Amino acid sequence: MYTVTVIRDFISRHFLIGGDWGAENDLHSHHYKIELMLEGNR
């Protein structure tokens, strides 16, 4: 059996519109981490 794993992180920046969302109306960022693992016999 074989296993391949890829782990990446990234930052997404955005702001909310259409209402009074406080600090969320200002440009801000979120940090994300994603992990993809694939397994197979060949």
N, C-alpha and C. Protein backbone atom coordinates (compact mmCIF):
# COMPACT_ATOMS: atom_id res chain seq x y z
N MET A 1 0.85 -1.18 0.00
CA MET A 1 0.00 0.00 0.00
C MET A 1 0.89 1.24 0.00
N TYR A 2 0.47 2.24 -0.76
CA TYR A 2 1.19 3.51 -0.85
C TYR A 2 0.32 4.63 -0.26
N THR A 3 0.99 5.60 0.34
CA THR A 3 0.31 6.78 0.87
C THR A 3 1.09 8.02 0.46
N VAL A 4 0.38 9.01 -0.04
CA VAL A 4 0.97 10.30 -0.39
C VAL A 4 0.18 11.37 0.37
N THR A 5 0.90 12.26 1.03
CA THR A 5 0.25 13.33 1.78
C THR A 5 0.83 14.68 1.37
N VAL A 6 -0.04 15.64 1.16
CA VAL A 6 0.36 17.02 0.87
C VAL A 6 -0.29 17.92 1.91
N ILE A 7 0.51 18.75 2.54
CA ILE A 7 0.01 19.70 3.54
C ILE A 7 0.39 21.10 3.08
N ARG A 8 -0.59 21.97 3.00
CA ARG A 8 -0.35 23.35 2.57
C ARG A 8 -1.11 24.30 3.50
N ASP A 9 -0.55 25.49 3.66
CA ASP A 9 -1.28 26.52 4.39
C ASP A 9 -1.37 27.76 3.51
N PHE A 10 -2.39 28.55 3.75
CA PHE A 10 -2.59 29.76 2.97
C PHE A 10 -3.37 30.77 3.79
N ILE A 11 -3.32 32.00 3.34
CA ILE A 11 -4.02 33.09 4.01
C ILE A 11 -5.04 33.67 3.03
N SER A 12 -6.26 33.84 3.50
CA SER A 12 -7.34 34.42 2.71
C SER A 12 -7.68 35.78 3.31
N ARG A 13 -7.77 36.80 2.45
CA ARG A 13 -8.13 38.15 2.92
C ARG A 13 -9.46 38.56 2.32
N HIS A 14 -10.30 39.19 3.13
CA HIS A 14 -11.61 39.64 2.65
C HIS A 14 -12.20 40.66 3.61
N PHE A 15 -13.32 41.21 3.23
CA PHE A 15 -14.11 42.08 4.11
C PHE A 15 -15.58 41.87 3.78
N LEU A 16 -16.43 42.14 4.73
CA LEU A 16 -17.87 41.95 4.55
C LEU A 16 -18.51 43.27 4.15
N ILE A 17 -19.54 43.18 3.31
CA ILE A 17 -20.30 44.36 2.89
C ILE A 17 -21.78 44.10 3.13
N GLY A 18 -22.58 45.15 3.06
CA GLY A 18 -24.03 44.99 3.14
C GLY A 18 -24.60 45.07 4.54
N GLY A 19 -23.82 45.50 5.50
CA GLY A 19 -24.34 45.61 6.85
C GLY A 19 -23.30 46.18 7.77
N ASP A 20 -23.68 46.41 9.01
CA ASP A 20 -22.73 46.89 10.01
C ASP A 20 -22.19 45.68 10.76
N TRP A 21 -21.07 45.16 10.27
CA TRP A 21 -20.46 43.96 10.85
C TRP A 21 -19.27 44.29 11.74
N GLY A 22 -19.14 45.55 12.12
CA GLY A 22 -18.03 45.95 12.99
C GLY A 22 -16.69 45.79 12.29
N ALA A 23 -15.75 45.19 12.99
CA ALA A 23 -14.40 45.01 12.45
C ALA A 23 -14.38 44.13 11.20
N GLU A 24 -15.41 43.32 11.01
CA GLU A 24 -15.47 42.45 9.82
C GLU A 24 -15.67 43.26 8.54
N ASN A 25 -16.10 44.52 8.64
CA ASN A 25 -16.22 45.39 7.47
C ASN A 25 -14.86 45.85 6.95
N ASP A 26 -13.83 45.76 7.77
CA ASP A 26 -12.47 46.13 7.37
C ASP A 26 -11.75 44.92 6.79
N LEU A 27 -10.82 45.19 5.86
CA LEU A 27 -10.03 44.12 5.27
C LEU A 27 -9.28 43.38 6.38
N HIS A 28 -9.45 42.06 6.43
CA HIS A 28 -8.77 41.24 7.43
C HIS A 28 -8.46 39.87 6.82
N SER A 29 -7.69 39.08 7.53
CA SER A 29 -7.24 37.79 6.97
C SER A 29 -7.56 36.64 7.91
N HIS A 30 -7.59 35.45 7.31
CA HIS A 30 -7.76 34.19 8.03
C HIS A 30 -6.69 33.23 7.54
N HIS A 31 -6.12 32.46 8.45
CA HIS A 31 -5.09 31.49 8.11
C HIS A 31 -5.73 30.10 8.06
N TYR A 32 -5.48 29.36 6.98
CA TYR A 32 -6.03 28.02 6.81
C TYR A 32 -4.91 27.03 6.56
N LYS A 33 -5.15 25.80 6.95
CA LYS A 33 -4.23 24.70 6.69
C LYS A 33 -5.05 23.55 6.13
N ILE A 34 -4.58 22.97 5.02
CA ILE A 34 -5.29 21.85 4.40
C ILE A 34 -4.34 20.67 4.28
N GLU A 35 -4.87 19.48 4.52
CA GLU A 35 -4.09 18.24 4.40
C GLU A 35 -4.86 17.28 3.51
N LEU A 36 -4.19 16.78 2.47
CA LEU A 36 -4.77 15.82 1.55
C LEU A 36 -3.95 14.54 1.62
N MET A 37 -4.61 13.42 1.91
CA MET A 37 -3.93 12.13 1.99
C MET A 37 -4.61 11.16 1.03
N LEU A 38 -3.81 10.58 0.15
CA LEU A 38 -4.30 9.59 -0.81
C LEU A 38 -3.62 8.27 -0.53
N GLU A 39 -4.40 7.20 -0.54
CA GLU A 39 -3.87 5.86 -0.32
C GLU A 39 -4.34 4.94 -1.43
N GLY A 40 -3.49 4.00 -1.80
CA GLY A 40 -3.87 3.04 -2.83
C GLY A 40 -2.90 1.88 -2.88
N ASN A 41 -3.30 0.85 -3.60
CA ASN A 41 -2.47 -0.35 -3.72
C ASN A 41 -1.46 -0.25 -4.87
N ARG A 42 -1.68 0.69 -5.79
CA ARG A 42 -0.73 0.81 -6.90
C ARG A 42 -0.16 2.19 -6.97
